[in-house]
Amino acid sequence: MCLEFANEPDPCVFLTRQGRPPENSTGLGRELFRPLAYRELRDILRTALADERQTEDGRHIVEDYLQTLELEFR
């Protein structure tokens, strides 16, 4: 899943419980955003954190957010 965003300089994500596209958006507004479920984001974050080479300053923020996702979206 992470690789799908690897070549996008500024990916736009529409984050929803089920990963559904926006219902009220049409045309370019709808095309710009990629629907993503919270569970998918959780999996992306798990994969990113599994890479031990990732030691940036913001890692603790991602770990905290992942912990929230783990509790809410099992």
PDB file of N, CA and C in Angstrom:
ATOM      1  N   MET A   1       0.817  -1.199   0.000  1.00  0.00           N
ATOM      2  CA  MET A   1       0.000   0.000   0.000  1.00  0.00           C
ATOM      3  C   MET A   1       0.854   1.255   0.000  1.00  0.00           C
ATOM      4  N   CYS A   2       1.890   1.287   0.776  1.00  0.00           N
ATOM      5  CA  CYS A   2       2.762   2.458   0.843  1.00  0.00           C
ATOM      6  C   CYS A   2       3.315   2.825  -0.521  1.00  0.00           C
ATOM      7  N   LEU A   3       3.613   1.826  -1.307  1.00  0.00           N
ATOM      8  CA  LEU A   3       4.222   2.076  -2.606  1.00  0.00           C
ATOM      9  C   LEU A   3       3.307   2.841  -3.543  1.00  0.00           C
ATOM     10  N   GLU A   4       2.018   2.776  -3.314  1.00  0.00           N
ATOM     11  CA  GLU A   4       1.090   3.502  -4.170  1.00  0.00           C
ATOM     12  C   GLU A   4       1.273   5.013  -4.056  1.00  0.00           C
ATOM     13  N   PHE A   5       1.802   5.472  -2.941  1.00  0.00           N
ATOM     14  CA  PHE A   5       2.022   6.891  -2.732  1.00  0.00           C
ATOM     15  C   PHE A   5       3.467   7.297  -3.004  1.00  0.00           C
ATOM     16  N   ALA A   6       4.334   6.344  -3.245  1.00  0.00           N
ATOM     17  CA  ALA A   6       5.770   6.614  -3.361  1.00  0.00           C
ATOM     18  C   ALA A   6       6.110   7.593  -4.477  1.00  0.00           C
ATOM     19  N   ASN A   7       5.389   7.553  -5.565  1.00  0.00           N
ATOM     20  CA  ASN A   7       5.698   8.414  -6.709  1.00  0.00           C
ATOM     21  C   ASN A   7       4.822   9.654  -6.781  1.00  0.00           C
ATOM     22  N   GLU A   8       4.025   9.880  -5.768  1.00  0.00           N
ATOM     23  CA  GLU A   8       3.169  11.061  -5.741  1.00  0.00           C
ATOM     24  C   GLU A   8       3.820  12.114  -4.855  1.00  0.00           C
ATOM     25  N   PRO A   9       4.171  13.269  -5.424  1.00  0.00           N
ATOM     26  CA  PRO A   9       4.841  14.295  -4.624  1.00  0.00           C
ATOM     27  C   PRO A   9       3.960  14.857  -3.506  1.00  0.00           C
ATOM     28  N   ASP A  10       2.689  15.041  -3.780  1.00  0.00           N
ATOM     29  CA  ASP A  10       1.760  15.585  -2.784  1.00  0.00           C
ATOM     30  C   ASP A  10       0.440  14.816  -2.853  1.00  0.00           C
ATOM     31  N   PRO A  11       0.406  13.590  -2.325  1.00  0.00           N
ATOM     32  CA  PRO A  11      -0.837  12.823  -2.430  1.00  0.00           C
ATOM     33  C   PRO A  11      -1.953  13.468  -1.620  1.00  0.00           C
ATOM     34  N   CYS A  12      -3.134  13.479  -2.194  1.00  0.00           N
ATOM     35  CA  CYS A  12      -4.322  13.989  -1.517  1.00  0.00           C
ATOM     36  C   CYS A  12      -5.179  12.792  -1.129  1.00  0.00           C
ATOM     37  N   VAL A  13      -5.491  12.689   0.140  1.00  0.00           N
ATOM     38  CA  VAL A  13      -6.216  11.536   0.651  1.00  0.00           C
ATOM     39  C   VAL A  13      -7.533  11.987   1.263  1.00  0.00           C
ATOM     40  N   PHE A  14      -8.581  11.253   0.956  1.00  0.00           N
ATOM     41  CA  PHE A  14      -9.891  11.465   1.566  1.00  0.00           C
ATOM     42  C   PHE A  14     -10.075  10.324   2.554  1.00  0.00           C
ATOM     43  N   LEU A  15      -9.864  10.598   3.823  1.00  0.00           N
ATOM     44  CA  LEU A  15      -9.832   9.589   4.868  1.00  0.00           C
ATOM     45  C   LEU A  15     -11.224   9.370   5.451  1.00  0.00           C
ATOM     46  N   THR A  16     -11.710   8.130   5.334  1.00  0.00           N
ATOM     47  CA  THR A  16     -13.025   7.778   5.865  1.00  0.00           C
ATOM     48  C   THR A  16     -12.962   6.412   6.547  1.00  0.00           C
ATOM     49  N   ARG A  17     -14.000   6.078   7.259  1.00  0.00           N
ATOM     50  CA  ARG A  17     -14.052   4.777   7.941  1.00  0.00           C
ATOM     51  C   ARG A  17     -13.928   3.617   6.951  1.00  0.00           C
ATOM     52  N   GLN A  18     -14.619   3.698   5.835  1.00  0.00           N
ATOM     53  CA  GLN A  18     -14.671   2.588   4.881  1.00  0.00           C
ATOM     54  C   GLN A  18     -13.824   2.816   3.630  1.00  0.00           C
ATOM     55  N   GLY A  19     -13.222   3.977   3.488  1.00  0.00           N
ATOM     56  CA  GLY A  19     -12.438   4.268   2.291  1.00  0.00           C
ATOM     57  C   GLY A  19     -13.299   4.600   1.084  1.00  0.00           C
ATOM     58  N   ARG A  20     -14.451   5.156   1.344  1.00  0.00           N
ATOM     59  CA  ARG A  20     -15.373   5.527   0.251  1.00  0.00           C
ATOM     60  C   ARG A  20     -14.991   6.879  -0.347  1.00  0.00           C
ATOM     61  N   PRO A  21     -15.244   7.060  -1.633  1.00  0.00           N
ATOM     62  CA  PRO A  21     -14.979   8.374  -2.236  1.00  0.00           C
ATOM     63  C   PRO A  21     -15.981   9.405  -1.721  1.00  0.00           C
ATOM     64  N   PRO A  22     -15.645  10.685  -1.845  1.00  0.00           N
ATOM     65  CA  PRO A  22     -16.571  11.725  -1.389  1.00  0.00           C
ATOM     66  C   PRO A  22     -17.873  11.672  -2.185  1.00  0.00           C
ATOM     67  N   GLU A  23     -18.985  11.752  -1.493  1.00  0.00           N
ATOM     68  CA  GLU A  23     -20.291  11.651  -2.152  1.00  0.00           C
ATOM     69  C   GLU A  23     -20.701  12.945  -2.836  1.00  0.00           C
ATOM     70  N   ASN A  24     -20.297  14.073  -2.279  1.00  0.00           N
ATOM     71  CA  ASN A  24     -20.776  15.356  -2.786  1.00  0.00           C
ATOM     72  C   ASN A  24     -19.783  16.066  -3.688  1.00  0.00           C
ATOM     73  N   SER A  25     -18.746  15.386  -4.089  1.00  0.00           N
ATOM     74  CA  SER A  25     -17.728  16.010  -4.926  1.00  0.00           C
ATOM     75  C   SER A  25     -17.782  15.414  -6.325  1.00  0.00           C
ATOM     76  N   THR A  26     -17.528  16.281  -7.318  1.00  0.00           N
ATOM     77  CA  THR A  26     -17.541  15.815  -8.708  1.00  0.00           C
ATOM     78  C   THR A  26     -16.334  16.388  -9.442  1.00  0.00           C
ATOM     79  N   GLY A  27     -16.109  15.888 -10.614  1.00  0.00           N
ATOM     80  CA  GLY A  27     -15.055  16.423 -11.476  1.00  0.00           C
ATOM     81  C   GLY A  27     -13.671  16.343 -10.868  1.00  0.00           C
ATOM     82  N   LEU A  28     -12.919  17.415 -11.060  1.00  0.00           N
ATOM     83  CA  LEU A  28     -11.534  17.458 -10.606  1.00  0.00           C
ATOM     84  C   LEU A  28     -11.426  17.284  -9.093  1.00  0.00           C
ATOM     85  N   GLY A  29     -12.349  17.862  -8.354  1.00  0.00           N
ATOM     86  CA  GLY A  29     -12.328  17.722  -6.903  1.00  0.00           C
ATOM     87  C   GLY A  29     -12.393  16.269  -6.472  1.00  0.00           C
ATOM     88  N   ARG A  30     -13.164  15.492  -7.177  1.00  0.00           N
ATOM     89  CA  ARG A  30     -13.279  14.067  -6.858  1.00  0.00           C
ATOM     90  C   ARG A  30     -12.045  13.305  -7.345  1.00  0.00           C
ATOM     91  N   GLU A  31     -11.505  13.699  -8.467  1.00  0.00           N
ATOM     92  CA  GLU A  31     -10.351  13.010  -9.050  1.00  0.00           C
ATOM     93  C   GLU A  31      -9.065  13.245  -8.258  1.00  0.00           C
ATOM     94  N   LEU A  32      -8.945  14.390  -7.631  1.00  0.00           N
ATOM     95  CA  LEU A  32      -7.713  14.723  -6.922  1.00  0.00           C
ATOM     96  C   LEU A  32      -7.496  13.893  -5.655  1.00  0.00           C
ATOM     97  N   PHE A  33      -8.581  13.470  -5.047  1.00  0.00           N
ATOM     98  CA  PHE A  33      -8.478  12.779  -3.765  1.00  0.00           C
ATOM     99  C   PHE A  33      -8.591  11.274  -3.939  1.00  0.00           C
ATOM    100  N   ARG A  34      -7.713  10.566  -3.262  1.00  0.00           N
ATOM    101  CA  ARG A  34      -7.760   9.113  -3.245  1.00  0.00           C
ATOM    102  C   ARG A  34      -8.421   8.680  -1.946  1.00  0.00           C
ATOM    103  N   PRO A  35      -9.546   7.938  -2.033  1.00  0.00           N
ATOM    104  CA  PRO A  35     -10.195   7.485  -0.809  1.00  0.00           C
ATOM    105  C   PRO A  35      -9.307   6.480  -0.077  1.00  0.00           C
ATOM    106  N   LEU A  36      -9.289   6.598   1.229  1.00  0.00           N
ATOM    107  CA  LEU A  36      -8.455   5.724   2.049  1.00  0.00           C
ATOM    108  C   LEU A  36      -9.182   5.450   3.359  1.00  0.00           C
ATOM    109  N   ALA A  37      -9.258   4.184   3.727  1.00  0.00           N
ATOM    110  CA  ALA A  37      -9.894   3.806   4.990  1.00  0.00           C
ATOM    111  C   ALA A  37      -8.888   3.948   6.128  1.00  0.00           C
ATOM    112  N   TYR A  38      -9.399   4.178   7.313  1.00  0.00           N
ATOM    113  CA  TYR A  38      -8.533   4.281   8.491  1.00  0.00           C
ATOM    114  C   TYR A  38      -7.692   3.021   8.654  1.00  0.00           C
ATOM    115  N   ARG A  39      -8.266   1.862   8.375  1.00  0.00           N
ATOM    116  CA  ARG A  39      -7.512   0.608   8.490  1.00  0.00           C
ATOM    117  C   ARG A  39      -6.338   0.581   7.513  1.00  0.00           C
ATOM    118  N   GLU A  40      -6.547   1.119   6.309  1.00  0.00           N
ATOM    119  CA  GLU A  40      -5.458   1.179   5.339  1.00  0.00           C
ATOM    120  C   GLU A  40      -4.342   2.094   5.835  1.00  0.00           C
ATOM    121  N   LEU A  41      -4.727   3.227   6.391  1.00  0.00           N
ATOM    122  CA  LEU A  41      -3.730   4.148   6.943  1.00  0.00           C
ATOM    123  C   LEU A  41      -2.975   3.474   8.082  1.00  0.00           C
ATOM    124  N   ARG A  42      -3.696   2.766   8.912  1.00  0.00           N
ATOM    125  CA  ARG A  42      -3.054   2.032  10.006  1.00  0.00           C
ATOM    126  C   ARG A  42      -1.990   1.079   9.467  1.00  0.00           C
ATOM    127  N   ASP A  43      -2.316   0.346   8.412  1.00  0.00           N
ATOM    128  CA  ASP A  43      -1.366  -0.596   7.825  1.00  0.00           C
ATOM    129  C   ASP A  43      -0.167   0.116   7.210  1.00  0.00           C
ATOM    130  N   ILE A  44      -0.389   1.251   6.585  1.00  0.00           N
ATOM    131  CA  ILE A  44       0.704   2.039   6.016  1.00  0.00           C
ATOM    132  C   ILE A  44       1.652   2.488   7.122  1.00  0.00           C
ATOM    133  N   LEU A  45       1.087   2.969   8.219  1.00  0.00           N
ATOM    134  CA  LEU A  45       1.915   3.433   9.335  1.00  0.00           C
ATOM    135  C   LEU A  45       2.681   2.282   9.977  1.00  0.00           C
ATOM    136  N   ARG A  46       2.040   1.132  10.113  1.00  0.00           N
ATOM    137  CA  ARG A  46       2.729  -0.045  10.655  1.00  0.00           C
ATOM    138  C   ARG A  46       3.957  -0.385   9.808  1.00  0.00           C
ATOM    139  N   THR A  47       3.757  -0.397   8.497  1.00  0.00           N
ATOM    140  CA  THR A  47       4.849  -0.722   7.577  1.00  0.00           C
ATOM    141  C   THR A  47       5.975   0.291   7.693  1.00  0.00           C
ATOM    142  N   ALA A  48       5.624   1.552   7.744  1.00  0.00           N
ATOM    143  CA  ALA A  48       6.643   2.605   7.833  1.00  0.00           C
ATOM    144  C   ALA A  48       7.423   2.506   9.134  1.00  0.00           C
ATOM    145  N   LEU A  49       6.738   2.229  10.225  1.00  0.00           N
ATOM    146  CA  LEU A  49       7.419   2.146  11.523  1.00  0.00           C
ATOM    147  C   LEU A  49       8.238   0.871  11.677  1.00  0.00           C
ATOM    148  N   ALA A  50       7.928  -0.151  10.888  1.00  0.00           N
ATOM    149  CA  ALA A  50       8.688  -1.401  10.952  1.00  0.00           C
ATOM    150  C   ALA A  50      10.098  -1.232  10.399  1.00  0.00           C
ATOM    151  N   ASP A  51      10.301  -0.192   9.599  1.00  0.00           N
ATOM    152  CA  ASP A  51      11.617   0.092   9.038  1.00  0.00           C
ATOM    153  C   ASP A  51      12.469   0.747  10.119  1.00  0.00           C
ATOM    154  N   GLU A  52      13.402   0.012  10.648  1.00  0.00           N
ATOM    155  CA  GLU A  52      14.239   0.503  11.753  1.00  0.00           C
ATOM    156  C   GLU A  52      15.103   1.694  11.359  1.00  0.00           C
ATOM    157  N   ARG A  53      15.271   1.911  10.065  1.00  0.00           N
ATOM    158  CA  ARG A  53      16.086   3.057   9.626  1.00  0.00           C
ATOM    159  C   ARG A  53      15.350   4.368   9.805  1.00  0.00           C
ATOM    160  N   GLN A  54      14.034   4.297   9.999  1.00  0.00           N
ATOM    161  CA  GLN A  54      13.229   5.500  10.179  1.00  0.00           C
ATOM    162  C   GLN A  54      13.376   6.004  11.615  1.00  0.00           C
ATOM    163  N   THR A  55      14.172   7.015  11.792  1.00  0.00           N
ATOM    164  CA  THR A  55      14.395   7.542  13.145  1.00  0.00           C
ATOM    165  C   THR A  55      14.182   9.054  13.210  1.00  0.00           C
ATOM    166  N   GLU A  56      13.376   9.590  12.319  1.00  0.00           N
ATOM    167  CA  GLU A  56      13.137  11.029  12.297  1.00  0.00           C
ATOM    168  C   GLU A  56      12.498  11.505  13.598  1.00  0.00           C
ATOM    169  N   ASP A  57      12.596  12.800  13.802  1.00  0.00           N
ATOM    170  CA  ASP A  57      12.055  13.417  15.016  1.00  0.00           C
ATOM    171  C   ASP A  57      10.557  13.186  15.184  1.00  0.00           C
ATOM    172  N   GLY A  58       9.815  13.099  14.100  1.00  0.00           N
ATOM    173  CA  GLY A  58       8.365  12.956  14.189  1.00  0.00           C
ATOM    174  C   GLY A  58       7.880  11.541  14.421  1.00  0.00           C
ATOM    175  N   ARG A  59       8.799  10.599  14.560  1.00  0.00           N
ATOM    176  CA  ARG A  59       8.409   9.200  14.732  1.00  0.00           C
ATOM    177  C   ARG A  59       7.447   9.014  15.914  1.00  0.00           C
ATOM    178  N   HIS A  60       7.698   9.692  17.017  1.00  0.00           N
ATOM    179  CA  HIS A  60       6.829   9.515  18.191  1.00  0.00           C
ATOM    180  C   HIS A  60       5.400   9.975  17.909  1.00  0.00           C
ATOM    181  N   ILE A  61       5.233  10.952  17.044  1.00  0.00           N
ATOM    182  CA  ILE A  61       3.892  11.422  16.683  1.00  0.00           C
ATOM    183  C   ILE A  61       3.163  10.336  15.904  1.00  0.00           C
ATOM    184  N   VAL A  62       3.861   9.724  14.967  1.00  0.00           N
ATOM    185  CA  VAL A  62       3.272   8.643  14.170  1.00  0.00           C
ATOM    186  C   VAL A  62       2.938   7.459  15.072  1.00  0.00           C
ATOM    187  N   GLU A  63       3.813   7.133  15.992  1.00  0.00           N
ATOM    188  CA  GLU A  63       3.550   6.027  16.916  1.00  0.00           C
ATOM    189  C   GLU A  63       2.310   6.302  17.767  1.00  0.00           C
ATOM    190  N   ASP A  64       2.145   7.518  18.227  1.00  0.00           N
ATOM    191  CA  ASP A  64       0.962   7.884  19.017  1.00  0.00           C
ATOM    192  C   ASP A  64      -0.312   7.781  18.178  1.00  0.00           C
ATOM    193  N   TYR A  65      -0.254   8.270  16.947  1.00  0.00           N
ATOM    194  CA  TYR A  65      -1.429   8.218  16.067  1.00  0.00           C
ATOM    195  C   TYR A  65      -1.765   6.769  15.738  1.00  0.00           C
ATOM    196  N   LEU A  66      -0.747   5.963  15.478  1.00  0.00           N
ATOM    197  CA  LEU A  66      -0.973   4.552  15.201  1.00  0.00           C
ATOM    198  C   LEU A  66      -1.627   3.865  16.393  1.00  0.00           C
ATOM    199  N   GLN A  67      -1.208   4.198  17.577  1.00  0.00           N
ATOM    200  CA  GLN A  67      -1.812   3.611  18.778  1.00  0.00           C
ATOM    201  C   GLN A  67      -3.310   3.941  18.840  1.00  0.00           C
ATOM    202  N   THR A  68      -3.663   5.160  18.492  1.00  0.00           N
ATOM    203  CA  THR A  68      -5.083   5.540  18.449  1.00  0.00           C
ATOM    204  C   THR A  68      -5.829   4.739  17.400  1.00  0.00           C
ATOM    205  N   LEU A  69      -5.240   4.606  16.221  1.00  0.00           N
ATOM    206  CA  LEU A  69      -5.886   3.826  15.157  1.00  0.00           C
ATOM    207  C   LEU A  69      -6.050   2.371  15.568  1.00  0.00           C
ATOM    208  N   GLU A  70      -5.050   1.819  16.252  1.00  0.00           N
ATOM    209  CA  GLU A  70      -5.127   0.430  16.711  1.00  0.00           C
ATOM    210  C   GLU A  70      -6.300   0.237  17.672  1.00  0.00           C
ATOM    211  N   LEU A  71      -6.549   1.205  18.522  1.00  0.00           N
ATOM    212  CA  LEU A  71      -7.640   1.108  19.491  1.00  0.00           C
ATOM    213  C   LEU A  71      -9.011   1.274  18.823  1.00  0.00           C
ATOM    214  N   GLU A  72      -9.104   2.180  17.876  1.00  0.00           N
ATOM    215  CA  GLU A  72     -10.383   2.518  17.268  1.00  0.00           C
ATOM    216  C   GLU A  72     -10.767   1.635  16.093  1.00  0.00           C
ATOM    217  N   PHE A  73      -9.793   1.096  15.363  1.00  0.00           N
ATOM    218  CA  PHE A  73     -10.079   0.365  14.120  1.00  0.00           C
ATOM    219  C   PHE A  73      -9.358  -0.978  14.119  1.00  0.00           C
ATOM    220  N   ARG A  74      -9.804  -1.868  14.968  1.00  0.00           N
ATOM    221  CA  ARG A  74      -9.207  -3.206  15.090  1.00  0.00           C
ATOM    222  C   ARG A  74      -9.538  -4.090  13.942  1.00  0.00           C
TER     223      ARG A  74
END
